[in-house]
N, C-alpha and C. Protein backbone atom coordinates (compact mmCIF):
# COMPACT_ATOMS: atom_id res chain seq x y z
N MET A 1 -5.88 -5.08 -2.39
CA MET A 1 -4.59 -5.55 -1.95
C MET A 1 -3.47 -4.80 -2.68
N LEU A 2 -3.63 -4.61 -3.96
CA LEU A 2 -2.62 -3.90 -4.74
C LEU A 2 -2.50 -2.45 -4.30
N ILE A 3 -3.63 -1.83 -4.00
CA ILE A 3 -3.62 -0.44 -3.54
C ILE A 3 -2.90 -0.34 -2.20
N PHE A 4 -3.17 -1.29 -1.30
CA PHE A 4 -2.52 -1.27 0.00
C PHE A 4 -1.01 -1.43 -0.14
N ARG A 5 -0.57 -2.33 -1.00
CA ARG A 5 0.87 -2.50 -1.21
C ARG A 5 1.51 -1.23 -1.74
N PHE A 6 0.85 -0.60 -2.71
CA PHE A 6 1.38 0.65 -3.25
C PHE A 6 1.45 1.72 -2.18
N LEU A 7 0.41 1.81 -1.35
CA LEU A 7 0.38 2.82 -0.30
C LEU A 7 1.49 2.58 0.73
N VAL A 8 1.69 1.34 1.13
CA VAL A 8 2.75 1.03 2.10
C VAL A 8 4.12 1.34 1.50
N LEU A 9 4.34 0.96 0.26
CA LEU A 9 5.64 1.25 -0.36
C LEU A 9 5.86 2.74 -0.53
N ALA A 10 4.81 3.48 -0.86
CA ALA A 10 4.94 4.93 -1.00
C ALA A 10 5.26 5.58 0.35
N LEU A 11 4.61 5.11 1.41
CA LEU A 11 4.89 5.66 2.74
C LEU A 11 6.30 5.29 3.21
N LEU A 12 6.74 4.07 2.94
CA LEU A 12 8.10 3.70 3.29
C LEU A 12 9.11 4.53 2.50
N GLY A 13 8.81 4.79 1.24
CA GLY A 13 9.67 5.66 0.43
C GLY A 13 9.73 7.07 0.97
N ALA A 14 8.59 7.58 1.43
CA ALA A 14 8.56 8.92 2.02
C ALA A 14 9.38 8.96 3.31
N SER A 15 9.32 7.89 4.07
CA SER A 15 10.10 7.82 5.30
C SER A 15 11.60 7.80 4.98
N VAL A 16 11.99 7.00 4.02
CA VAL A 16 13.40 6.93 3.62
C VAL A 16 13.86 8.29 3.08
N LEU A 17 13.03 8.94 2.30
CA LEU A 17 13.37 10.25 1.77
C LEU A 17 13.52 11.27 2.89
N SER A 18 12.66 11.20 3.87
CA SER A 18 12.76 12.10 5.01
C SER A 18 14.06 11.87 5.78
N PHE A 19 14.43 10.59 5.99
CA PHE A 19 15.70 10.30 6.65
C PHE A 19 16.89 10.78 5.82
N ALA A 20 16.78 10.67 4.50
CA ALA A 20 17.85 11.16 3.63
C ALA A 20 17.99 12.67 3.74
N PHE A 21 16.86 13.38 3.82
CA PHE A 21 16.92 14.84 4.03
C PHE A 21 17.55 15.16 5.38
N TYR A 22 17.24 14.36 6.39
CA TYR A 22 17.84 14.57 7.71
C TYR A 22 19.35 14.40 7.65
N ILE A 23 19.80 13.36 6.96
CA ILE A 23 21.24 13.13 6.84
C ILE A 23 21.90 14.27 6.07
N GLY A 24 21.22 14.73 5.02
CA GLY A 24 21.79 15.79 4.19
C GLY A 24 21.81 17.16 4.85
N THR A 25 20.75 17.47 5.60
CA THR A 25 20.65 18.82 6.17
C THR A 25 20.97 18.88 7.66
N GLY A 26 20.76 17.78 8.38
CA GLY A 26 21.00 17.78 9.81
C GLY A 26 19.87 18.40 10.62
N GLN A 27 18.76 18.74 9.97
CA GLN A 27 17.64 19.35 10.67
C GLN A 27 16.79 18.26 11.32
N PRO A 28 16.55 18.37 12.62
CA PRO A 28 15.89 17.26 13.33
C PRO A 28 14.42 17.05 12.97
N HIS A 29 13.76 18.05 12.40
CA HIS A 29 12.34 17.83 12.08
C HIS A 29 12.17 16.81 10.95
N PHE A 30 13.16 16.64 10.08
CA PHE A 30 13.08 15.60 9.05
C PHE A 30 13.14 14.21 9.67
N ARG A 31 13.99 14.04 10.69
CA ARG A 31 14.08 12.75 11.38
C ARG A 31 12.76 12.45 12.10
N ARG A 32 12.19 13.47 12.74
CA ARG A 32 10.93 13.29 13.45
C ARG A 32 9.82 12.87 12.49
N TRP A 33 9.73 13.54 11.34
CA TRP A 33 8.71 13.17 10.35
C TRP A 33 8.93 11.75 9.82
N GLY A 34 10.20 11.40 9.60
CA GLY A 34 10.51 10.05 9.13
C GLY A 34 10.08 8.98 10.12
N LEU A 35 10.31 9.24 11.41
CA LEU A 35 9.90 8.28 12.43
C LEU A 35 8.38 8.20 12.55
N VAL A 36 7.70 9.34 12.45
CA VAL A 36 6.23 9.33 12.52
C VAL A 36 5.63 8.57 11.35
N ILE A 37 6.13 8.83 10.15
CA ILE A 37 5.62 8.12 8.96
C ILE A 37 5.89 6.63 9.09
N LEU A 38 7.09 6.26 9.52
CA LEU A 38 7.45 4.85 9.67
C LEU A 38 6.57 4.17 10.72
N LYS A 39 6.37 4.84 11.84
CA LYS A 39 5.56 4.25 12.91
C LYS A 39 4.14 3.97 12.44
N TRP A 40 3.50 4.93 11.82
CA TRP A 40 2.11 4.74 11.39
C TRP A 40 2.00 3.79 10.21
N THR A 41 3.04 3.69 9.40
CA THR A 41 3.03 2.69 8.32
C THR A 41 3.06 1.28 8.90
N VAL A 42 3.91 1.07 9.89
CA VAL A 42 4.00 -0.25 10.52
C VAL A 42 2.70 -0.59 11.26
N VAL A 43 2.14 0.39 11.97
CA VAL A 43 0.88 0.15 12.69
C VAL A 43 -0.24 -0.20 11.72
N SER A 44 -0.35 0.54 10.64
CA SER A 44 -1.42 0.26 9.68
C SER A 44 -1.22 -1.09 9.00
N ALA A 45 0.02 -1.47 8.73
CA ALA A 45 0.28 -2.78 8.12
C ALA A 45 -0.08 -3.90 9.09
N LEU A 46 0.23 -3.74 10.36
CA LEU A 46 -0.12 -4.76 11.35
C LEU A 46 -1.64 -4.90 11.48
N VAL A 47 -2.34 -3.78 11.48
CA VAL A 47 -3.81 -3.83 11.56
C VAL A 47 -4.37 -4.51 10.31
N PHE A 48 -3.87 -4.16 9.15
CA PHE A 48 -4.36 -4.75 7.91
C PHE A 48 -4.17 -6.27 7.90
N PHE A 49 -2.96 -6.71 8.26
CA PHE A 49 -2.70 -8.14 8.25
C PHE A 49 -3.45 -8.85 9.37
N GLY A 50 -3.68 -8.16 10.48
CA GLY A 50 -4.49 -8.73 11.54
C GLY A 50 -5.92 -8.98 11.08
N VAL A 51 -6.46 -8.03 10.34
CA VAL A 51 -7.81 -8.20 9.78
C VAL A 51 -7.84 -9.36 8.78
N LEU A 52 -6.82 -9.48 7.96
CA LEU A 52 -6.75 -10.61 7.02
C LEU A 52 -6.70 -11.95 7.75
N ILE A 53 -5.90 -12.02 8.81
CA ILE A 53 -5.80 -13.27 9.57
C ILE A 53 -7.11 -13.59 10.26
N LEU A 54 -7.75 -12.59 10.85
CA LEU A 54 -9.05 -12.83 11.51
C LEU A 54 -10.11 -13.25 10.48
N GLY A 55 -10.02 -12.74 9.27
CA GLY A 55 -10.95 -13.15 8.22
C GLY A 55 -10.77 -14.61 7.83
N ARG A 56 -9.54 -15.08 7.87
CA ARG A 56 -9.27 -16.48 7.54
C ARG A 56 -9.74 -17.41 8.66
N VAL A 57 -9.58 -16.96 9.90
CA VAL A 57 -9.93 -17.80 11.05
C VAL A 57 -11.45 -17.91 11.19
N ALA A 58 -12.14 -16.80 11.04
CA ALA A 58 -13.59 -16.80 11.27
C ALA A 58 -14.38 -17.31 10.09
C-alpha cells in the first residue's frame, strides 16, 4: 500500500512537472506527456481501488 501511494504521488508530480514545462516553454509535447501520465495514473488508481473493494466484498 505504501509503495502504491508513493508511485501515484510520484506520477502525479511528474504530470505536474510536465505541465509546468509546458507553461514555461509552450511546447505542446510537454502537455501531451502530462495528459498521458495523468490519464494512466488515474486508470491505475481506479483499478487498484476496484481490486481492494472486490477483495472486501468477496
